[in-house]
Amino acid sequence: KERRSKEAVFLIAADADALRRHLRLRETETAIDSGAPRDDIGQYADDYLRKIVKASLTMKPIIADDMRGFVGDQLEAFATARKLRDEDTSLLVELVSAALRHNPRRVKEFVADLELQLRFIEGREKSEAILGEPSKDVLLAAKLLLLEEEWPDLYKVLRRDYEVLAQW
């Protein structure tokens, strides 16, 4: 005879602050539409979340050394395949750790994006669409890609005027 447990545990990763902001915004919009504003929107949002989430665990911010170790692990195969010097690998780890310190999920994506970007540049080099070997400057490519992905407004400024780079 098969026994089935009536208890189930679901683990949901969520940003509680983002959920609270959403609930507050929704309730504020509802109050404006109905003409009956709530005085306790913040408390309402917290109570609503407690109804849904029976237990919670707050994730602490990642420690810088842990992030560097994680980024180093994620970049290891990339650095080996690209034959990066140890010094350049260390600089790349520091760069990526600093830029993506608040979002470890982005590290894997960034490594894949960087590889794709470098392959694209190599293809342009082979077809002589660009001169030289800019694909060899992995650190510059990484900096530009991080700028493009994480700070798109600054990247647009750079695209309009390359001389801005000297000022930075």
Protein backbone atom coordinates (compact mmCIF):
# COMPACT_ATOMS: atom_id res chain seq x y z
CA LYS A 1 0.00 0.00 0.00
CA GLU A 2 1.36 3.40 -1.00
CA ARG A 3 1.55 6.07 1.67
CA ARG A 4 1.22 9.66 0.65
CA SER A 5 2.13 12.48 2.89
CA LYS A 6 -0.32 15.32 3.11
CA GLU A 7 2.48 17.69 3.93
CA ALA A 8 4.46 19.41 1.24
CA VAL A 9 7.09 22.06 1.44
CA PHE A 10 7.61 24.53 -1.36
CA LEU A 11 10.74 26.61 -1.45
CA ILE A 12 10.30 29.86 -3.33
CA ALA A 13 13.09 32.34 -3.84
CA ALA A 14 11.63 35.82 -3.81
CA ASP A 15 12.70 39.38 -3.22
CA ALA A 16 10.49 40.41 -0.31
CA ASP A 17 11.26 44.10 -0.78
CA ALA A 18 10.21 43.92 -4.44
CA LEU A 19 6.99 42.11 -3.46
CA ARG A 20 6.24 44.76 -0.84
CA ARG A 21 6.86 47.56 -3.37
CA HIS A 22 4.51 45.85 -5.83
CA LEU A 23 1.77 45.35 -3.24
CA ARG A 24 2.08 48.94 -2.03
CA LEU A 25 1.88 50.22 -5.60
CA ARG A 26 -1.12 48.01 -6.38
CA GLU A 27 -2.93 49.05 -3.23
CA THR A 28 -2.15 52.72 -3.86
CA GLU A 29 -3.55 52.44 -7.40
CA THR A 30 -6.62 50.61 -6.09
CA ALA A 31 -7.14 53.29 -3.44
CA ILE A 32 -6.88 56.06 -6.04
CA ASP A 33 -9.37 54.29 -8.31
CA SER A 34 -11.84 53.63 -5.48
CA GLY A 35 -11.34 56.95 -3.73
CA ALA A 36 -10.69 55.13 -0.45
CA PRO A 37 -6.97 55.41 0.37
CA ARG A 38 -5.54 53.12 3.03
CA ASP A 39 -3.53 54.54 5.88
CA ASP A 40 -1.83 51.21 6.49
CA ILE A 41 -0.55 50.18 3.04
CA GLY A 42 2.86 49.12 4.39
CA GLN A 43 1.34 47.02 7.16
CA TYR A 44 -1.21 45.59 4.71
CA ALA A 45 1.59 44.46 2.38
CA ASP A 46 3.48 42.79 5.24
CA ASP A 47 0.33 41.05 6.51
CA TYR A 48 -0.56 39.87 3.01
CA LEU A 49 2.89 38.33 2.54
CA ARG A 50 2.65 36.58 5.91
CA LYS A 51 -0.61 34.94 4.80
CA ILE A 52 1.11 33.43 1.79
CA VAL A 53 4.57 32.75 3.21
CA LYS A 54 4.43 30.72 6.41
CA ALA A 55 8.16 30.77 7.07
CA SER A 56 10.97 32.77 5.57
CA LEU A 57 14.71 32.85 5.46
CA THR A 58 16.54 36.04 4.68
CA MET A 59 19.60 35.63 2.51
CA LYS A 60 22.51 37.71 3.69
CA PRO A 61 24.53 39.76 1.21
CA ILE A 62 27.35 37.83 -0.38
CA ILE A 63 30.78 38.35 1.18
CA ALA A 64 33.33 39.89 -1.22
CA ASP A 65 35.79 37.00 -0.80
CA ASP A 66 33.05 34.45 -1.46
CA MET A 67 32.01 36.34 -4.58
CA ARG A 68 35.60 36.44 -5.85
CA GLY A 69 35.89 32.69 -5.28
CA PHE A 70 32.63 32.06 -7.10
CA VAL A 71 33.61 34.30 -10.02
CA GLY A 72 37.04 32.64 -10.16
CA ASP A 73 35.39 29.22 -10.41
CA GLN A 74 33.05 30.43 -13.14
CA LEU A 75 35.90 32.00 -15.14
CA GLU A 76 38.37 29.13 -14.76
CA ALA A 77 37.46 27.24 -17.95
CA PHE A 78 37.11 30.51 -19.89
CA ALA A 79 40.55 31.74 -18.77
CA THR A 80 42.15 28.40 -19.61
CA ALA A 81 40.53 28.23 -23.05
CA ARG A 82 41.54 31.82 -23.77
CA LYS A 83 45.07 31.19 -22.43
CA LEU A 84 44.89 34.18 -20.12
CA ARG A 85 47.89 34.97 -17.98
CA ASP A 86 47.35 34.55 -14.24
CA GLU A 87 47.62 38.32 -13.77
CA ASP A 88 44.92 38.98 -16.38
CA THR A 89 42.71 36.28 -14.91
CA SER A 90 43.02 37.88 -11.46
CA LEU A 91 42.14 41.29 -12.88
CA LEU A 92 39.16 39.81 -14.72
CA VAL A 93 37.94 38.12 -11.52
CA GLU A 94 38.20 41.43 -9.63
CA LEU A 95 36.43 43.31 -12.40
CA VAL A 96 33.54 40.88 -12.71
CA SER A 97 33.22 40.49 -8.93
CA ALA A 98 32.95 44.25 -8.45
CA ALA A 99 30.53 44.80 -11.32
CA LEU A 100 28.21 41.88 -10.59
CA ARG A 101 28.56 41.67 -6.80
CA HIS A 102 24.83 42.10 -6.26
CA ASN A 103 23.76 39.47 -8.77
CA PRO A 104 25.71 36.18 -8.81
CA ARG A 105 23.27 34.72 -11.36
CA ARG A 106 24.60 37.20 -13.87
CA VAL A 107 28.16 35.81 -13.66
CA LYS A 108 27.47 32.70 -15.75
CA GLU A 109 25.51 34.78 -18.25
CA PHE A 110 28.33 37.30 -18.45
CA VAL A 111 30.97 34.62 -19.11
CA ALA A 112 28.83 33.22 -21.96
CA ASP A 113 28.19 36.74 -23.32
CA LEU A 114 31.91 37.57 -23.19
CA GLU A 115 32.82 34.39 -25.05
CA LEU A 116 30.21 35.15 -27.69
CA GLN A 117 31.43 38.73 -28.03
CA LEU A 118 35.03 37.60 -28.47
CA ARG A 119 34.05 35.01 -31.07
CA PHE A 120 32.13 37.66 -32.97
CA ILE A 121 35.19 39.95 -32.90
CA GLU A 122 37.42 37.08 -34.06
CA GLY A 123 35.09 36.46 -36.97
CA ARG A 124 35.32 40.12 -37.93
CA GLU A 125 39.11 39.93 -37.65
CA LYS A 126 39.26 36.89 -39.96
CA SER A 127 37.07 38.58 -42.54
CA GLU A 128 39.29 41.67 -42.22
CA ALA A 129 36.27 43.78 -41.34
CA ILE A 130 38.37 45.11 -38.45
CA LEU A 131 42.12 45.52 -38.33
CA GLY A 132 44.47 44.11 -35.74
CA GLU A 133 43.53 41.62 -33.06
CA PRO A 134 41.26 43.38 -30.57
CA SER A 135 39.98 39.94 -29.50
CA LYS A 136 43.31 39.41 -27.72
CA ASP A 137 42.47 42.22 -25.26
CA VAL A 138 40.02 40.20 -23.19
CA LEU A 139 40.08 42.69 -20.30
CA LEU A 140 39.05 45.58 -22.55
CA ALA A 141 36.29 43.47 -24.09
CA ALA A 142 35.09 42.51 -20.60
CA LYS A 143 35.06 46.13 -19.41
CA LEU A 144 33.12 47.29 -22.45
CA LEU A 145 30.66 44.42 -22.18
CA LEU A 146 30.07 45.05 -18.47
CA LEU A 147 29.56 48.72 -19.22
CA GLU A 148 27.10 47.88 -22.00
CA GLU A 149 25.13 45.37 -19.93
CA GLU A 150 25.22 46.90 -16.45
CA TRP A 151 25.41 50.63 -17.17
CA PRO A 152 23.78 51.05 -20.61
CA ASP A 153 23.37 54.83 -20.31
CA LEU A 154 27.10 55.28 -19.75
CA TYR A 155 27.83 52.91 -22.59
CA LYS A 156 25.67 55.04 -24.92
CA VAL A 157 27.70 58.10 -23.92
CA LEU A 158 30.87 56.21 -24.79
CA ARG A 159 29.45 55.06 -28.13
CA ARG A 160 28.67 58.66 -29.05
CA ASP A 161 32.09 59.98 -28.02
CA TYR A 162 35.04 57.61 -27.61
CA GLU A 163 37.16 60.42 -26.18
CA VAL A 164 35.04 60.22 -23.01
CA LEU A 165 36.98 57.07 -22.17
CA ALA A 166 40.14 59.13 -21.63
CA GLN A 167 38.27 61.32 -19.12
CA TRP A 168 37.06 58.30 -17.17
